[in-house]
Amino acid sequence: MTQPLFEQLSTQLNFLLLSQRQMILVAAFAVAISTFAKNIKKFYISYLSLMLLVYSLAVGITAAVDFNQYINDIKEDSPPLEEDELRLVNRSKKWIYFSYVQIFIIIILVLVFVRIRNLT
């Protein structure tokens, strides 16, 4: 296995995992702001919560697309990969599915948020 591939892949995977963490933290902060807005009866503050949820989605989608593009570039544009390199790339690609699940959960959260705000 070539060391530069391992280092590049590690960097890209760390970026994806940090983006997943940022998605969760921003979404949790958005839920806290939404609860705060409801408790103090200030509807306009709840828009900040919605904007944070949309930002969280944007971060997650961008990171997932970038990581997926990086994996595809490695498989298509690089010289033929050795067997252990290909296994490493395929194992790393599985992490993107966690991003997709988090994106889906935040989309559900946005839909619930919008539905609740329309009812009240």
PDB file of N, CA and C in Angstrom:
ATOM      1  N   MET A   1       0.854  -1.177   0.000  1.00  0.00           N
ATOM      2  CA  MET A   1       0.000   0.000   0.000  1.00  0.00           C
ATOM      3  C   MET A   1       0.895   1.234   0.000  1.00  0.00           C
ATOM      4  N   THR A   2       0.510   2.187  -0.801  1.00  0.00           N
ATOM      5  CA  THR A   2       1.288   3.414  -0.845  1.00  0.00           C
ATOM      6  C   THR A   2       0.880   4.317   0.309  1.00  0.00           C
ATOM      7  N   GLN A   3       1.832   4.897   0.939  1.00  0.00           N
ATOM      8  CA  GLN A   3       1.572   5.760   2.087  1.00  0.00           C
ATOM      9  C   GLN A   3       0.784   7.013   1.709  1.00  0.00           C
ATOM     10  N   PRO A   4       1.072   7.663   0.572  1.00  0.00           N
ATOM     11  CA  PRO A   4       0.288   8.866   0.237  1.00  0.00           C
ATOM     12  C   PRO A   4      -1.218   8.584   0.112  1.00  0.00           C
ATOM     13  N   LEU A   5      -1.597   7.432  -0.444  1.00  0.00           N
ATOM     14  CA  LEU A   5      -3.025   7.107  -0.541  1.00  0.00           C
ATOM     15  C   LEU A   5      -3.632   6.978   0.845  1.00  0.00           C
ATOM     16  N   PHE A   6      -2.930   6.295   1.731  1.00  0.00           N
ATOM     17  CA  PHE A   6      -3.437   6.135   3.098  1.00  0.00           C
ATOM     18  C   PHE A   6      -3.595   7.483   3.780  1.00  0.00           C
ATOM     19  N   GLU A   7      -2.617   8.357   3.622  1.00  0.00           N
ATOM     20  CA  GLU A   7      -2.682   9.683   4.249  1.00  0.00           C
ATOM     21  C   GLU A   7      -3.807  10.522   3.655  1.00  0.00           C
ATOM     22  N   GLN A   8      -3.943  10.497   2.343  1.00  0.00           N
ATOM     23  CA  GLN A   8      -5.018  11.256   1.698  1.00  0.00           C
ATOM     24  C   GLN A   8      -6.386  10.727   2.119  1.00  0.00           C
ATOM     25  N   LEU A   9      -6.529   9.417   2.110  1.00  0.00           N
ATOM     26  CA  LEU A   9      -7.805   8.815   2.479  1.00  0.00           C
ATOM     27  C   LEU A   9      -8.134   9.090   3.934  1.00  0.00           C
ATOM     28  N   SER A  10      -7.144   9.028   4.798  1.00  0.00           N
ATOM     29  CA  SER A  10      -7.355   9.343   6.210  1.00  0.00           C
ATOM     30  C   SER A  10      -7.815  10.785   6.386  1.00  0.00           C
ATOM     31  N   THR A  11      -7.199  11.694   5.658  1.00  0.00           N
ATOM     32  CA  THR A  11      -7.588  13.104   5.740  1.00  0.00           C
ATOM     33  C   THR A  11      -9.020  13.307   5.265  1.00  0.00           C
ATOM     34  N   GLN A  12      -9.361  12.709   4.144  1.00  0.00           N
ATOM     35  CA  GLN A  12     -10.717  12.850   3.612  1.00  0.00           C
ATOM     36  C   GLN A  12     -11.754  12.208   4.533  1.00  0.00           C
ATOM     37  N   LEU A  13     -11.428  11.048   5.088  1.00  0.00           N
ATOM     38  CA  LEU A  13     -12.351  10.381   6.005  1.00  0.00           C
ATOM     39  C   LEU A  13     -12.519  11.186   7.285  1.00  0.00           C
ATOM     40  N   ASN A  14     -11.440  11.759   7.796  1.00  0.00           N
ATOM     41  CA  ASN A  14     -11.544  12.624   8.976  1.00  0.00           C
ATOM     42  C   ASN A  14     -12.425  13.830   8.690  1.00  0.00           C
ATOM     43  N   PHE A  15     -12.297  14.394   7.492  1.00  0.00           N
ATOM     44  CA  PHE A  15     -13.150  15.524   7.113  1.00  0.00           C
ATOM     45  C   PHE A  15     -14.622  15.104   7.117  1.00  0.00           C
ATOM     46  N   LEU A  16     -14.917  13.929   6.585  1.00  0.00           N
ATOM     47  CA  LEU A  16     -16.300  13.449   6.561  1.00  0.00           C
ATOM     48  C   LEU A  16     -16.819  13.242   7.976  1.00  0.00           C
ATOM     49  N   LEU A  17     -16.023  12.620   8.830  1.00  0.00           N
ATOM     50  CA  LEU A  17     -16.467  12.361  10.200  1.00  0.00           C
ATOM     51  C   LEU A  17     -16.641  13.653  10.996  1.00  0.00           C
ATOM     52  N   LEU A  18     -15.759  14.620  10.774  1.00  0.00           N
ATOM     53  CA  LEU A  18     -15.925  15.917  11.438  1.00  0.00           C
ATOM     54  C   LEU A  18     -17.183  16.633  10.943  1.00  0.00           C
ATOM     55  N   SER A  19     -17.484  16.478   9.677  1.00  0.00           N
ATOM     56  CA  SER A  19     -18.707  17.075   9.135  1.00  0.00           C
ATOM     57  C   SER A  19     -19.940  16.413   9.726  1.00  0.00           C
ATOM     58  N   GLN A  20     -19.881  15.089   9.930  1.00  0.00           N
ATOM     59  CA  GLN A  20     -20.999  14.401  10.572  1.00  0.00           C
ATOM     60  C   GLN A  20     -21.195  14.919  11.995  1.00  0.00           C
ATOM     61  N   ARG A  21     -20.106  15.090  12.700  1.00  0.00           N
ATOM     62  CA  ARG A  21     -20.201  15.615  14.063  1.00  0.00           C
ATOM     63  C   ARG A  21     -20.771  17.032  14.057  1.00  0.00           C
ATOM     64  N   GLN A  22     -20.329  17.844  13.110  1.00  0.00           N
ATOM     65  CA  GLN A  22     -20.842  19.209  13.030  1.00  0.00           C
ATOM     66  C   GLN A  22     -22.338  19.209  12.721  1.00  0.00           C
ATOM     67  N   MET A  23     -22.769  18.301  11.864  1.00  0.00           N
ATOM     68  CA  MET A  23     -24.209  18.206  11.564  1.00  0.00           C
ATOM     69  C   MET A  23     -25.013  17.943  12.836  1.00  0.00           C
ATOM     70  N   ILE A  24     -24.562  16.992  13.625  1.00  0.00           N
ATOM     71  CA  ILE A  24     -25.274  16.629  14.844  1.00  0.00           C
ATOM     72  C   ILE A  24     -25.262  17.778  15.848  1.00  0.00           C
ATOM     73  N   LEU A  25     -24.112  18.409  16.030  1.00  0.00           N
ATOM     74  CA  LEU A  25     -24.020  19.507  16.993  1.00  0.00           C
ATOM     75  C   LEU A  25     -24.896  20.688  16.596  1.00  0.00           C
ATOM     76  N   VAL A  26     -24.868  21.048  15.330  1.00  0.00           N
ATOM     77  CA  VAL A  26     -25.683  22.184  14.872  1.00  0.00           C
ATOM     78  C   VAL A  26     -27.168  21.841  14.975  1.00  0.00           C
ATOM     79  N   ALA A  27     -27.541  20.616  14.640  1.00  0.00           N
ATOM     80  CA  ALA A  27     -28.947  20.214  14.751  1.00  0.00           C
ATOM     81  C   ALA A  27     -29.396  20.225  16.209  1.00  0.00           C
ATOM     82  N   ALA A  28     -28.547  19.755  17.106  1.00  0.00           N
ATOM     83  CA  ALA A  28     -28.898  19.779  18.530  1.00  0.00           C
ATOM     84  C   ALA A  28     -29.040  21.214  19.032  1.00  0.00           C
ATOM     85  N   PHE A  29     -28.152  22.085  18.583  1.00  0.00           N
ATOM     86  CA  PHE A  29     -28.245  23.497  18.947  1.00  0.00           C
ATOM     87  C   PHE A  29     -29.535  24.102  18.392  1.00  0.00           C
ATOM     88  N   ALA A  30     -29.920  23.717  17.186  1.00  0.00           N
ATOM     89  CA  ALA A  30     -31.161  24.219  16.585  1.00  0.00           C
ATOM     90  C   ALA A  30     -32.379  23.775  17.389  1.00  0.00           C
ATOM     91  N   VAL A  31     -32.373  22.545  17.855  1.00  0.00           N
ATOM     92  CA  VAL A  31     -33.483  22.057  18.679  1.00  0.00           C
ATOM     93  C   VAL A  31     -33.528  22.828  19.999  1.00  0.00           C
ATOM     94  N   ALA A  32     -32.371  23.090  20.584  1.00  0.00           N
ATOM     95  CA  ALA A  32     -32.335  23.861  21.831  1.00  0.00           C
ATOM     96  C   ALA A  32     -32.871  25.274  21.621  1.00  0.00           C
ATOM     97  N   ILE A  33     -32.496  25.897  20.520  1.00  0.00           N
ATOM     98  CA  ILE A  33     -32.997  27.252  20.222  1.00  0.00           C
ATOM     99  C   ILE A  33     -34.504  27.221  19.983  1.00  0.00           C
ATOM    100  N   SER A  34     -34.979  26.187  19.317  1.00  0.00           N
ATOM    101  CA  SER A  34     -36.414  26.055  19.070  1.00  0.00           C
ATOM    102  C   SER A  34     -37.183  25.930  20.388  1.00  0.00           C
ATOM    103  N   THR A  35     -36.655  25.148  21.300  1.00  0.00           N
ATOM    104  CA  THR A  35     -37.287  25.005  22.616  1.00  0.00           C
ATOM    105  C   THR A  35     -37.256  26.327  23.371  1.00  0.00           C
ATOM    106  N   PHE A  36     -36.138  27.011  23.307  1.00  0.00           N
ATOM    107  CA  PHE A  36     -36.011  28.313  23.950  1.00  0.00           C
ATOM    108  C   PHE A  36     -37.021  29.300  23.361  1.00  0.00           C
ATOM    109  N   ALA A  37     -37.154  29.322  22.040  1.00  0.00           N
ATOM    110  CA  ALA A  37     -38.089  30.242  21.381  1.00  0.00           C
ATOM    111  C   ALA A  37     -39.525  29.954  21.803  1.00  0.00           C
ATOM    112  N   LYS A  38     -39.851  28.685  21.939  1.00  0.00           N
ATOM    113  CA  LYS A  38     -41.206  28.323  22.344  1.00  0.00           C
ATOM    114  C   LYS A  38     -41.465  28.728  23.799  1.00  0.00           C
ATOM    115  N   ASN A  39     -40.452  28.578  24.647  1.00  0.00           N
ATOM    116  CA  ASN A  39     -40.618  28.922  26.060  1.00  0.00           C
ATOM    117  C   ASN A  39     -40.752  30.419  26.288  1.00  0.00           C
ATOM    118  N   ILE A  40     -40.046  31.225  25.504  1.00  0.00           N
ATOM    119  CA  ILE A  40     -40.144  32.672  25.707  1.00  0.00           C
ATOM    120  C   ILE A  40     -41.191  33.312  24.797  1.00  0.00           C
ATOM    121  N   LYS A  41     -41.858  32.470  24.012  1.00  0.00           N
ATOM    122  CA  LYS A  41     -42.960  32.922  23.136  1.00  0.00           C
ATOM    123  C   LYS A  41     -42.510  33.942  22.093  1.00  0.00           C
ATOM    124  N   LYS A  42     -41.321  33.728  21.532  1.00  0.00           N
ATOM    125  CA  LYS A  42     -40.807  34.585  20.458  1.00  0.00           C
ATOM    126  C   LYS A  42     -40.701  33.743  19.190  1.00  0.00           C
ATOM    127  N   PHE A  43     -41.660  33.925  18.329  1.00  0.00           N
ATOM    128  CA  PHE A  43     -41.741  33.108  17.126  1.00  0.00           C
ATOM    129  C   PHE A  43     -40.584  33.373  16.168  1.00  0.00           C
ATOM    130  N   TYR A  44     -40.126  34.611  16.092  1.00  0.00           N
ATOM    131  CA  TYR A  44     -39.066  34.942  15.131  1.00  0.00           C
ATOM    132  C   TYR A  44     -37.741  34.254  15.467  1.00  0.00           C
ATOM    133  N   ILE A  45     -37.514  33.911  16.722  1.00  0.00           N
ATOM    134  CA  ILE A  45     -36.289  33.192  17.080  1.00  0.00           C
ATOM    135  C   ILE A  45     -36.325  31.770  16.515  1.00  0.00           C
ATOM    136  N   SER A  46     -37.510  31.224  16.344  1.00  0.00           N
ATOM    137  CA  SER A  46     -37.610  29.863  15.801  1.00  0.00           C
ATOM    138  C   SER A  46     -37.129  29.811  14.346  1.00  0.00           C
ATOM    139  N   TYR A  47     -37.146  30.936  13.646  1.00  0.00           N
ATOM    140  CA  TYR A  47     -36.599  30.953  12.288  1.00  0.00           C
ATOM    141  C   TYR A  47     -35.084  30.715  12.303  1.00  0.00           C
ATOM    142  N   LEU A  48     -34.427  31.183  13.337  1.00  0.00           N
ATOM    143  CA  LEU A  48     -32.999  30.899  13.485  1.00  0.00           C
ATOM    144  C   LEU A  48     -32.768  29.395  13.601  1.00  0.00           C
ATOM    145  N   SER A  49     -33.631  28.745  14.345  1.00  0.00           N
ATOM    146  CA  SER A  49     -33.536  27.297  14.486  1.00  0.00           C
ATOM    147  C   SER A  49     -33.701  26.598  13.139  1.00  0.00           C
ATOM    148  N   LEU A  50     -34.647  27.037  12.361  1.00  0.00           N
ATOM    149  CA  LEU A  50     -34.861  26.450  11.038  1.00  0.00           C
ATOM    150  C   LEU A  50     -33.659  26.701  10.126  1.00  0.00           C
ATOM    151  N   MET A  51     -33.100  27.899  10.187  1.00  0.00           N
ATOM    152  CA  MET A  51     -31.919  28.202   9.368  1.00  0.00           C
ATOM    153  C   MET A  51     -30.724  27.333   9.777  1.00  0.00           C
ATOM    154  N   LEU A  52     -30.579  27.074  11.071  1.00  0.00           N
ATOM    155  CA  LEU A  52     -29.496  26.209  11.531  1.00  0.00           C
ATOM    156  C   LEU A  52     -29.685  24.769  11.056  1.00  0.00           C
ATOM    157  N   LEU A  53     -30.917  24.306  11.027  1.00  0.00           N
ATOM    158  CA  LEU A  53     -31.173  22.961  10.518  1.00  0.00           C
ATOM    159  C   LEU A  53     -30.847  22.871   9.027  1.00  0.00           C
ATOM    160  N   VAL A  54     -31.204  23.890   8.280  1.00  0.00           N
ATOM    161  CA  VAL A  54     -30.887  23.911   6.851  1.00  0.00           C
ATOM    162  C   VAL A  54     -29.368  23.977   6.658  1.00  0.00           C
ATOM    163  N   TYR A  55     -28.690  24.749   7.483  1.00  0.00           N
ATOM    164  CA  TYR A  55     -27.231  24.815   7.417  1.00  0.00           C
ATOM    165  C   TYR A  55     -26.623  23.441   7.710  1.00  0.00           C
ATOM    166  N   SER A  56     -27.154  22.773   8.696  1.00  0.00           N
ATOM    167  CA  SER A  56     -26.678  21.434   9.036  1.00  0.00           C
ATOM    168  C   SER A  56     -26.842  20.480   7.857  1.00  0.00           C
ATOM    169  N   LEU A  57     -27.973  20.571   7.179  1.00  0.00           N
ATOM    170  CA  LEU A  57     -28.187  19.751   5.975  1.00  0.00           C
ATOM    171  C   LEU A  57     -27.183  20.098   4.883  1.00  0.00           C
ATOM    172  N   ALA A  58     -26.940  21.369   4.699  1.00  0.00           N
ATOM    173  CA  ALA A  58     -25.998  21.790   3.657  1.00  0.00           C
ATOM    174  C   ALA A  58     -24.596  21.268   3.930  1.00  0.00           C
ATOM    175  N   VAL A  59     -24.172  21.323   5.175  1.00  0.00           N
ATOM    176  CA  VAL A  59     -22.853  20.806   5.551  1.00  0.00           C
ATOM    177  C   VAL A  59     -22.781  19.310   5.278  1.00  0.00           C
ATOM    178  N   GLY A  60     -23.804  18.589   5.681  1.00  0.00           N
ATOM    179  CA  GLY A  60     -23.805  17.142   5.502  1.00  0.00           C
ATOM    180  C   GLY A  60     -23.841  16.728   4.048  1.00  0.00           C
ATOM    181  N   ILE A  61     -24.671  17.359   3.269  1.00  0.00           N
ATOM    182  CA  ILE A  61     -24.786  17.011   1.849  1.00  0.00           C
ATOM    183  C   ILE A  61     -23.484  17.338   1.129  1.00  0.00           C
ATOM    184  N   THR A  62     -22.911  18.503   1.410  1.00  0.00           N
ATOM    185  CA  THR A  62     -21.652  18.886   0.766  1.00  0.00           C
ATOM    186  C   THR A  62     -20.531  17.909   1.116  1.00  0.00           C
ATOM    187  N   ALA A  63     -20.421  17.554   2.377  1.00  0.00           N
ATOM    188  CA  ALA A  63     -19.365  16.623   2.799  1.00  0.00           C
ATOM    189  C   ALA A  63     -19.567  15.251   2.161  1.00  0.00           C
ATOM    190  N   ALA A  64     -20.797  14.777   2.105  1.00  0.00           N
ATOM    191  CA  ALA A  64     -21.069  13.468   1.517  1.00  0.00           C
ATOM    192  C   ALA A  64     -20.755  13.460   0.026  1.00  0.00           C
ATOM    193  N   VAL A  65     -21.152  14.503  -0.670  1.00  0.00           N
ATOM    194  CA  VAL A  65     -20.877  14.584  -2.110  1.00  0.00           C
ATOM    195  C   VAL A  65     -19.369  14.670  -2.364  1.00  0.00           C
ATOM    196  N   ASP A  66     -18.678  15.487  -1.587  1.00  0.00           N
ATOM    197  CA  ASP A  66     -17.226  15.623  -1.754  1.00  0.00           C
ATOM    198  C   ASP A  66     -16.495  14.311  -1.485  1.00  0.00           C
ATOM    199  N   PHE A  67     -16.879  13.614  -0.419  1.00  0.00           N
ATOM    200  CA  PHE A  67     -16.214  12.349  -0.102  1.00  0.00           C
ATOM    201  C   PHE A  67     -16.507  11.297  -1.158  1.00  0.00           C
ATOM    202  N   ASN A  68     -17.746  11.247  -1.609  1.00  0.00           N
ATOM    203  CA  ASN A  68     -18.112  10.298  -2.658  1.00  0.00           C
ATOM    204  C   ASN A  68     -17.335  10.588  -3.939  1.00  0.00           C
ATOM    205  N   GLN A  69     -17.173  11.854  -4.277  1.00  0.00           N
ATOM    206  CA  GLN A  69     -16.405  12.236  -5.463  1.00  0.00           C
ATOM    207  C   GLN A  69     -14.939  11.841  -5.309  1.00  0.00           C
ATOM    208  N   TYR A  70     -14.400  12.025  -4.114  1.00  0.00           N
ATOM    209  CA  TYR A  70     -13.012  11.640  -3.863  1.00  0.00           C
ATOM    210  C   TYR A  70     -12.830  10.132  -4.056  1.00  0.00           C
ATOM    211  N   ILE A  71     -13.726   9.338  -3.517  1.00  0.00           N
ATOM    212  CA  ILE A  71     -13.641   7.876  -3.660  1.00  0.00           C
ATOM    213  C   ILE A  71     -13.737   7.483  -5.126  1.00  0.00           C
ATOM    214  N   ASN A  72     -14.668   8.091  -5.848  1.00  0.00           N
ATOM    215  CA  ASN A  72     -14.805   7.775  -7.279  1.00  0.00           C
ATOM    216  C   ASN A  72     -13.560   8.179  -8.064  1.00  0.00           C
ATOM    217  N   ASP A  73     -12.976   9.314  -7.710  1.00  0.00           N
ATOM    218  CA  ASP A  73     -11.747   9.745  -8.383  1.00  0.00           C
ATOM    219  C   ASP A  73     -10.606   8.766  -8.141  1.00  0.00           C
ATOM    220  N   ILE A  74     -10.500   8.271  -6.930  1.00  0.00           N
ATOM    221  CA  ILE A  74      -9.441   7.301  -6.628  1.00  0.00           C
ATOM    222  C   ILE A  74      -9.626   6.038  -7.466  1.00  0.00           C
ATOM    223  N   LYS A  75     -10.847   5.575  -7.546  1.00  0.00           N
ATOM    224  CA  LYS A  75     -11.100   4.320  -8.257  1.00  0.00           C
ATOM    225  C   LYS A  75     -10.934   4.461  -9.772  1.00  0.00           C
ATOM    226  N   GLU A  76     -11.269   5.624 -10.314  1.00  0.00           N
ATOM    227  CA  GLU A  76     -11.265   5.786 -11.767  1.00  0.00           C
ATOM    228  C   GLU A  76      -9.982   6.415 -12.307  1.00  0.00           C
ATOM    229  N   ASP A  77      -9.473   7.428 -11.643  1.00  0.00           N
ATOM    230  CA  ASP A  77      -8.393   8.227 -12.218  1.00  0.00           C
ATOM    231  C   ASP A  77      -6.993   7.832 -11.771  1.00  0.00           C
ATOM    232  N   SER A  78      -6.896   7.104 -10.698  1.00  0.00           N
ATOM    233  CA  SER A  78      -5.561   6.768 -10.206  1.00  0.00           C
ATOM    234  C   SER A  78      -5.028   5.538 -10.939  1.00  0.00           C
ATOM    235  N   PRO A  79      -3.738   5.276 -10.787  1.00  0.00           N
ATOM    236  CA  PRO A  79      -3.215   4.036 -11.356  1.00  0.00           C
ATOM    237  C   PRO A  79      -3.924   2.845 -10.703  1.00  0.00           C
ATOM    238  N   PRO A  80      -3.879   1.699 -11.326  1.00  0.00           N
ATOM    239  CA  PRO A  80      -4.576   0.540 -10.742  1.00  0.00           C
ATOM    240  C   PRO A  80      -4.176   0.323  -9.279  1.00  0.00           C
ATOM    241  N   LEU A  81      -5.184   0.125  -8.454  1.00  0.00           N
ATOM    242  CA  LEU A  81      -4.938  -0.034  -7.027  1.00  0.00           C
ATOM    243  C   LEU A  81      -4.573  -1.477  -6.704  1.00  0.00           C
ATOM    244  N   GLU A  82      -3.718  -1.619  -5.715  1.00  0.00           N
ATOM    245  CA  GLU A  82      -3.399  -2.950  -5.212  1.00  0.00           C
ATOM    246  C   GLU A  82      -4.607  -3.475  -4.434  1.00  0.00           C
ATOM    247  N   GLU A  83      -4.594  -4.758  -4.144  1.00  0.00           N
ATOM    248  CA  GLU A  83      -5.736  -5.385  -3.489  1.00  0.00           C
ATOM    249  C   GLU A  83      -6.005  -4.783  -2.108  1.00  0.00           C
ATOM    250  N   ASP A  84      -4.953  -4.572  -1.315  1.00  0.00           N
ATOM    251  CA  ASP A  84      -5.159  -4.000   0.013  1.00  0.00           C
ATOM    252  C   ASP A  84      -5.597  -2.535  -0.048  1.00  0.00           C
ATOM    253  N   GLU A  85      -5.146  -1.808  -1.061  1.00  0.00           N
ATOM    254  CA  GLU A  85      -5.589  -0.422  -1.245  1.00  0.00           C
ATOM    255  C   GLU A  85      -7.069  -0.384  -1.615  1.00  0.00           C
ATOM    256  N   LEU A  86      -7.477  -1.279  -2.488  1.00  0.00           N
ATOM    257  CA  LEU A  86      -8.883  -1.326  -2.897  1.00  0.00           C
ATOM    258  C   LEU A  86      -9.773  -1.685  -1.713  1.00  0.00           C
ATOM    259  N   ARG A  87      -9.330  -2.613  -0.877  1.00  0.00           N
ATOM    260  CA  ARG A  87     -10.101  -2.973   0.327  1.00  0.00           C
ATOM    261  C   ARG A  87     -10.229  -1.765   1.259  1.00  0.00           C
ATOM    262  N   LEU A  88      -9.149  -1.015   1.425  1.00  0.00           N
ATOM    263  CA  LEU A  88      -9.171   0.168   2.275  1.00  0.00           C
ATOM    264  C   LEU A  88     -10.143   1.215   1.732  1.00  0.00           C
ATOM    265  N   VAL A  89     -10.113   1.435   0.443  1.00  0.00           N
ATOM    266  CA  VAL A  89     -11.015   2.414  -0.179  1.00  0.00           C
ATOM    267  C   VAL A  89     -12.468   1.966  -0.030  1.00  0.00           C
ATOM    268  N   ASN A  90     -12.741   0.689  -0.249  1.00  0.00           N
ATOM    269  CA  ASN A  90     -14.113   0.184  -0.130  1.00  0.00           C
ATOM    270  C   ASN A  90     -14.614   0.237   1.308  1.00  0.00           C
ATOM    271  N   ARG A  91     -13.734  -0.050   2.257  1.00  0.00           N
ATOM    272  CA  ARG A  91     -14.136   0.059   3.670  1.00  0.00           C
ATOM    273  C   ARG A  91     -14.430   1.512   4.038  1.00  0.00           C
ATOM    274  N   SER A  92     -13.621   2.415   3.545  1.00  0.00           N
ATOM    275  CA  SER A  92     -13.826   3.832   3.852  1.00  0.00           C
ATOM    276  C   SER A  92     -15.113   4.361   3.229  1.00  0.00           C
ATOM    277  N   LYS A  93     -15.466   3.840   2.072  1.00  0.00           N
ATOM    278  CA  LYS A  93     -16.678   4.299   1.391  1.00  0.00           C
ATOM    279  C   LYS A  93     -17.929   4.020   2.214  1.00  0.00           C
ATOM    280  N   LYS A  94     -17.890   3.005   3.049  1.00  0.00           N
ATOM    281  CA  LYS A  94     -19.063   2.650   3.860  1.00  0.00           C
ATOM    282  C   LYS A  94     -19.441   3.750   4.847  1.00  0.00           C
ATOM    283  N   TRP A  95     -18.474   4.595   5.212  1.00  0.00           N
ATOM    284  CA  TRP A  95     -18.763   5.660   6.172  1.00  0.00           C
ATOM    285  C   TRP A  95     -19.744   6.694   5.626  1.00  0.00           C
ATOM    286  N   ILE A  96     -19.847   6.778   4.331  1.00  0.00           N
ATOM    287  CA  ILE A  96     -20.730   7.776   3.744  1.00  0.00           C
ATOM    288  C   ILE A  96     -22.195   7.467   4.039  1.00  0.00           C
ATOM    289  N   TYR A  97     -22.506   6.194   4.253  1.00  0.00           N
ATOM    290  CA  TYR A  97     -23.887   5.824   4.544  1.00  0.00           C
ATOM    291  C   TYR A  97     -24.356   6.396   5.878  1.00  0.00           C
ATOM    292  N   PHE A  98     -23.442   6.564   6.819  1.00  0.00           N
ATOM    293  CA  PHE A  98     -23.809   7.205   8.077  1.00  0.00           C
ATOM    294  C   PHE A  98     -24.195   8.666   7.843  1.00  0.00           C
ATOM    295  N   SER A  99     -23.522   9.315   6.928  1.00  0.00           N
ATOM    296  CA  SER A  99     -23.893  10.694   6.581  1.00  0.00           C
ATOM    297  C   SER A  99     -25.281  10.732   5.979  1.00  0.00           C
ATOM    298  N   TYR A 100     -25.581   9.776   5.101  1.00  0.00           N
ATOM    299  CA  TYR A 100     -26.905   9.741   4.489  1.00  0.00           C
ATOM    300  C   TYR A 100     -28.000   9.544   5.537  1.00  0.00           C
ATOM    301  N   VAL A 101     -27.743   8.693   6.506  1.00  0.00           N
ATOM    302  CA  VAL A 101     -28.734   8.469   7.571  1.00  0.00           C
ATOM    303  C   VAL A 101     -28.919   9.745   8.389  1.00  0.00           C
ATOM    304  N   GLN A 102     -27.826  10.411   8.727  1.00  0.00           N
ATOM    305  CA  GLN A 102     -27.941  11.657   9.488  1.00  0.00           C
ATOM    306  C   GLN A 102     -28.679  12.726   8.695  1.00  0.00           C
ATOM    307  N   ILE A 103     -28.414  12.813   7.418  1.00  0.00           N
ATOM    308  CA  ILE A 103     -29.122  13.779   6.566  1.00  0.00           C
ATOM    309  C   ILE A 103     -30.607  13.475   6.559  1.00  0.00           C
ATOM    310  N   PHE A 104     -30.948  12.205   6.431  1.00  0.00           N
ATOM    311  CA  PHE A 104     -32.360  11.802   6.425  1.00  0.00           C
ATOM    312  C   PHE A 104     -33.030  12.153   7.748  1.00  0.00           C
ATOM    313  N   ILE A 105     -32.354  11.905   8.867  1.00  0.00           N
ATOM    314  CA  ILE A 105     -32.929  12.229  10.176  1.00  0.00           C
ATOM    315  C   ILE A 105     -33.139  13.733  10.319  1.00  0.00           C
ATOM    316  N   ILE A 106     -32.199  14.528   9.845  1.00  0.00           N
ATOM    317  CA  ILE A 106     -32.344  15.985   9.955  1.00  0.00           C
ATOM    318  C   ILE A 106     -33.446  16.481   9.025  1.00  0.00           C
ATOM    319  N   ILE A 107     -33.614  15.855   7.860  1.00  0.00           N
ATOM    320  CA  ILE A 107     -34.732  16.220   6.982  1.00  0.00           C
ATOM    321  C   ILE A 107     -36.054  15.953   7.687  1.00  0.00           C
ATOM    322  N   ILE A 108     -36.160  14.814   8.358  1.00  0.00           N
ATOM    323  CA  ILE A 108     -37.381  14.520   9.120  1.00  0.00           C
ATOM    324  C   ILE A 108     -37.581  15.564  10.209  1.00  0.00           C
ATOM    325  N   LEU A 109     -36.501  15.950  10.871  1.00  0.00           N
ATOM    326  CA  LEU A 109     -36.585  16.973  11.911  1.00  0.00           C
ATOM    327  C   LEU A 109     -37.075  18.306  11.338  1.00  0.00           C
ATOM    328  N   VAL A 110     -36.580  18.675  10.168  1.00  0.00           N
ATOM    329  CA  VAL A 110     -37.034  19.913   9.521  1.00  0.00           C
ATOM    330  C   VAL A 110     -38.521  19.823   9.184  1.00  0.00           C
ATOM    331  N   LEU A 111     -38.942  18.692   8.637  1.00  0.00           N
ATOM    332  CA  LEU A 111     -40.356  18.528   8.290  1.00  0.00           C
ATOM    333  C   LEU A 111     -41.254  18.583   9.521  1.00  0.00           C
ATOM    334  N   VAL A 112     -40.825  17.947  10.600  1.00  0.00           N
ATOM    335  CA  VAL A 112     -41.597  17.999  11.845  1.00  0.00           C
ATOM    336  C   VAL A 112     -41.626  19.432  12.372  1.00  0.00           C
ATOM    337  N   PHE A 113     -40.495  20.103  12.314  1.00  0.00           N
ATOM    338  CA  PHE A 113     -40.416  21.483  12.781  1.00  0.00           C
ATOM    339  C   PHE A 113     -41.386  22.375  12.001  1.00  0.00           C
ATOM    340  N   VAL A 114     -41.375  22.248  10.682  1.00  0.00           N
ATOM    341  CA  VAL A 114     -42.263  23.067   9.846  1.00  0.00           C
ATOM    342  C   VAL A 114     -43.723  22.713  10.104  1.00  0.00           C
ATOM    343  N   ARG A 115     -44.008  21.448  10.262  1.00  0.00           N
ATOM    344  CA  ARG A 115     -45.385  21.014  10.518  1.00  0.00           C
ATOM    345  C   ARG A 115     -45.881  21.549  11.865  1.00  0.00           C
ATOM    346  N   ILE A 116     -45.056  21.465  12.877  1.00  0.00           N
ATOM    347  CA  ILE A 116     -45.456  21.965  14.208  1.00  0.00           C
ATOM    348  C   ILE A 116     -45.642  23.470  14.175  1.00  0.00           C
ATOM    349  N   ARG A 117     -44.763  24.184  13.479  1.00  0.00           N
ATOM    350  CA  ARG A 117     -44.883  25.642  13.405  1.00  0.00           C
ATOM    351  C   ARG A 117     -46.125  26.062  12.624  1.00  0.00           C
ATOM    352  N   ASN A 118     -46.536  25.263  11.646  1.00  0.00           N
ATOM    353  CA  ASN A 118     -47.744  25.599  10.893  1.00  0.00           C
ATOM    354  C   ASN A 118     -49.002  25.323  11.692  1.00  0.00           C
ATOM    355  N   LEU A 119     -48.940  24.391  12.647  1.00  0.00           N
ATOM    356  CA  LEU A 119     -50.111  24.077  13.463  1.00  0.00           C
ATOM    357  C   LEU A 119     -50.325  25.076  14.571  1.00  0.00           C
ATOM    358  N   THR A 120     -49.246  25.711  15.041  1.00  0.00           N
ATOM    359  CA  THR A 120     -49.398  26.629  16.174  1.00  0.00           C
ATOM    360  C   THR A 120     -49.527  28.057  15.714  1.00  0.00           C
TER     361      THR A 120
END
